């Protein structure tokens, strides 16, 4: 009888452990791909130089535990300026910065390619949409007391 009780207890513990392990991947996969930060007022005078344009940017963060393809995803402002990702994968736990100006795209930095500023210095809204056009999120600011907004 003692071994039957021991076996039942071991099976109960193993069953509970198996259920916990089965639930772990779903919990680990939680998180999101979302707008993280907008730096809307680049430092200094607005000269439209490459360094000034590229000091204005929006960041997208992947807080999931998996890589996410952003191909076809887009970021727009309230005036309908639009950046669309070409083939691009955002790594698990990574952030990508989309600079307003021109530059060489990397895994961490992308370039809108604009010769004009995108983000208004006082108020604007960034909207992130996935490849089918579903709104993933938006981030608005209405302030001249700061140069950036954490979304």
Protein backbone atom coordinates (compact mmCIF):
# COMPACT_ATOMS: atom_id res chain seq x y z
CA UNK A 1 0.00 0.00 0.00
CA UNK A 2 2.83 2.39 0.81
CA UNK A 3 4.27 2.02 -2.71
CA UNK A 4 0.82 2.66 -4.25
CA UNK A 5 0.53 5.93 -2.31
CA UNK A 6 4.07 6.90 -3.27
CA UNK A 7 3.40 6.12 -6.93
CA UNK A 8 0.18 8.17 -6.88
CA UNK A 9 1.98 11.10 -5.25
CA UNK A 10 4.82 10.93 -7.79
CA UNK A 11 2.30 10.80 -10.65
CA UNK A 12 0.40 13.80 -9.23
CA UNK A 13 3.61 15.83 -8.92
CA UNK A 14 4.76 14.81 -12.41
CA UNK A 15 1.34 15.66 -13.85
CA UNK A 16 1.40 19.12 -12.25
CA UNK A 17 4.95 19.67 -13.51
CA UNK A 18 3.93 18.61 -17.02
CA UNK A 19 1.01 21.05 -16.95
CA UNK A 20 3.32 23.85 -15.77
CA UNK A 21 5.81 23.09 -18.54
CA UNK A 22 3.05 22.97 -21.15
CA UNK A 23 1.88 26.43 -20.05
CA UNK A 24 5.40 27.92 -20.01
CA UNK A 25 5.84 28.38 -23.78
CA UNK A 26 2.58 30.34 -24.03
CA UNK A 27 3.65 32.59 -21.20
CA UNK A 28 7.15 32.98 -22.66
CA UNK A 29 5.66 33.96 -26.01
CA UNK A 30 3.72 36.82 -24.44
CA UNK A 31 4.80 40.35 -25.21
CA UNK A 32 4.21 42.52 -28.22
CA UNK A 33 5.66 44.45 -31.10
CA UNK A 34 4.82 48.09 -30.41
CA UNK A 35 5.79 51.71 -30.81
CA UNK A 36 8.34 52.44 -28.13
CA UNK A 37 9.65 56.00 -28.52
CA UNK A 38 9.35 59.05 -30.78
CA UNK A 39 12.17 61.57 -30.79
CA UNK A 40 10.30 64.36 -32.53
CA UNK A 41 12.45 67.45 -31.99
CA UNK A 42 16.04 66.88 -33.04
CA UNK A 43 18.60 68.91 -31.10
CA UNK A 44 19.73 72.29 -32.41
CA UNK A 45 18.46 74.31 -35.33
CA UNK A 46 16.36 72.53 -37.96
CA UNK A 47 18.83 72.70 -40.86
CA UNK A 48 17.66 69.59 -42.76
CA UNK A 49 21.21 68.27 -42.57
CA UNK A 50 21.58 64.48 -42.49
CA UNK A 51 22.56 64.54 -38.82
CA UNK A 52 19.60 66.78 -37.91
CA UNK A 53 17.08 64.70 -39.89
CA UNK A 54 18.44 61.43 -38.49
CA UNK A 55 18.25 62.72 -34.91
CA UNK A 56 14.47 62.62 -35.43
CA UNK A 57 13.19 59.04 -35.23
CA UNK A 58 10.59 56.55 -34.10
CA UNK A 59 11.42 53.24 -32.38
CA UNK A 60 9.60 49.92 -32.53
CA UNK A 61 10.26 47.32 -29.85
CA UNK A 62 9.73 43.55 -29.91
CA UNK A 63 9.14 42.31 -26.36
CA UNK A 64 8.29 38.77 -27.47
CA UNK A 65 10.65 35.81 -27.31
CA UNK A 66 10.50 35.23 -31.05
CA UNK A 67 11.68 37.01 -34.18
CA UNK A 68 8.88 38.88 -35.97
CA UNK A 69 8.78 39.66 -39.69
CA UNK A 70 7.87 43.31 -40.22
CA UNK A 71 7.68 42.99 -44.02
CA UNK A 72 4.83 45.23 -45.18
CA UNK A 73 4.31 46.81 -41.73
CA UNK A 74 4.07 50.59 -41.76
CA UNK A 75 4.51 53.66 -39.59
CA UNK A 76 2.60 56.84 -40.43
CA UNK A 77 2.25 60.28 -38.93
CA UNK A 78 -0.90 62.42 -38.75
CA UNK A 79 -0.07 63.99 -42.15
CA UNK A 80 0.04 60.52 -43.80
CA UNK A 81 3.82 60.38 -44.26
CA UNK A 82 4.42 56.64 -44.48
CA UNK A 83 7.37 54.33 -43.94
CA UNK A 84 6.82 50.73 -45.05
CA UNK A 85 9.21 47.98 -44.04
CA UNK A 86 10.72 45.95 -46.86
CA UNK A 87 11.85 42.42 -46.00
CA UNK A 88 12.94 42.88 -42.38
CA UNK A 89 12.89 40.74 -39.25
CA UNK A 90 12.94 42.30 -35.80
CA UNK A 91 14.75 40.00 -33.41
CA UNK A 92 13.29 38.80 -30.14
CA UNK A 93 13.75 41.45 -27.47
CA UNK A 94 15.19 43.94 -29.99
CA UNK A 95 14.37 47.53 -30.93
CA UNK A 96 14.62 49.08 -34.38
CA UNK A 97 15.01 52.83 -34.92
CA UNK A 98 13.52 54.43 -38.04
CA UNK A 99 15.41 57.66 -38.72
CA UNK A 100 13.76 60.38 -40.79
CA UNK A 101 16.72 61.04 -43.11
CA UNK A 102 18.96 58.92 -45.32
CA UNK A 103 21.48 56.28 -44.33
CA UNK A 104 22.44 52.63 -44.64
CA UNK A 105 19.86 50.22 -43.24
CA UNK A 106 21.00 47.78 -40.57
CA UNK A 107 19.27 45.41 -38.15
CA UNK A 108 19.03 48.20 -35.56
CA UNK A 109 18.61 51.29 -37.76
CA UNK A 110 16.35 51.93 -40.75
CA UNK A 111 16.07 55.13 -42.77
CA UNK A 112 12.88 56.79 -44.04
CA UNK A 113 14.89 58.57 -46.75
CA UNK A 114 13.14 61.92 -46.33
CA UNK A 115 14.77 65.28 -46.98
CA UNK A 116 12.14 66.92 -44.75
CA UNK A 117 11.21 66.46 -41.11
CA UNK A 118 8.37 64.00 -40.50
CA UNK A 119 7.45 64.56 -36.86
CA UNK A 120 6.01 67.94 -35.85
CA UNK A 121 7.83 69.64 -32.98
CA UNK A 122 4.65 70.31 -31.00
CA UNK A 123 2.11 67.54 -31.68
CA UNK A 124 1.68 64.48 -33.87
CA UNK A 125 0.60 60.83 -33.82
CA UNK A 126 2.60 57.79 -34.88
CA UNK A 127 0.53 54.81 -35.99
CA UNK A 128 1.91 51.28 -36.45
CA UNK A 129 0.06 48.88 -38.76
CA UNK A 130 0.84 45.29 -39.67
CA UNK A 131 1.15 43.93 -43.22
CA UNK A 132 -2.63 43.63 -43.71
CA UNK A 133 -3.26 47.17 -42.47
CA UNK A 134 -4.53 46.31 -39.00
CA UNK A 135 -3.66 49.02 -36.51
CA UNK A 136 -1.26 47.59 -33.94
CA UNK A 137 -0.95 50.79 -31.93
CA UNK A 138 -0.59 54.55 -31.90
CA UNK A 139 1.40 57.04 -29.87
CA UNK A 140 0.50 60.74 -29.66
CA UNK A 141 2.23 63.71 -28.13
CA UNK A 142 1.16 67.31 -27.57
CA UNK A 143 4.08 69.11 -25.98
CA UNK A 144 6.89 71.53 -26.66
CA UNK A 145 8.42 70.97 -23.21
CA UNK A 146 10.16 67.78 -24.34
CA UNK A 147 11.92 66.43 -27.42
CA UNK A 148 10.67 62.86 -27.18
CA UNK A 149 7.76 60.69 -26.08
CA UNK A 150 7.98 57.21 -24.58
CA UNK A 151 4.94 55.39 -25.89
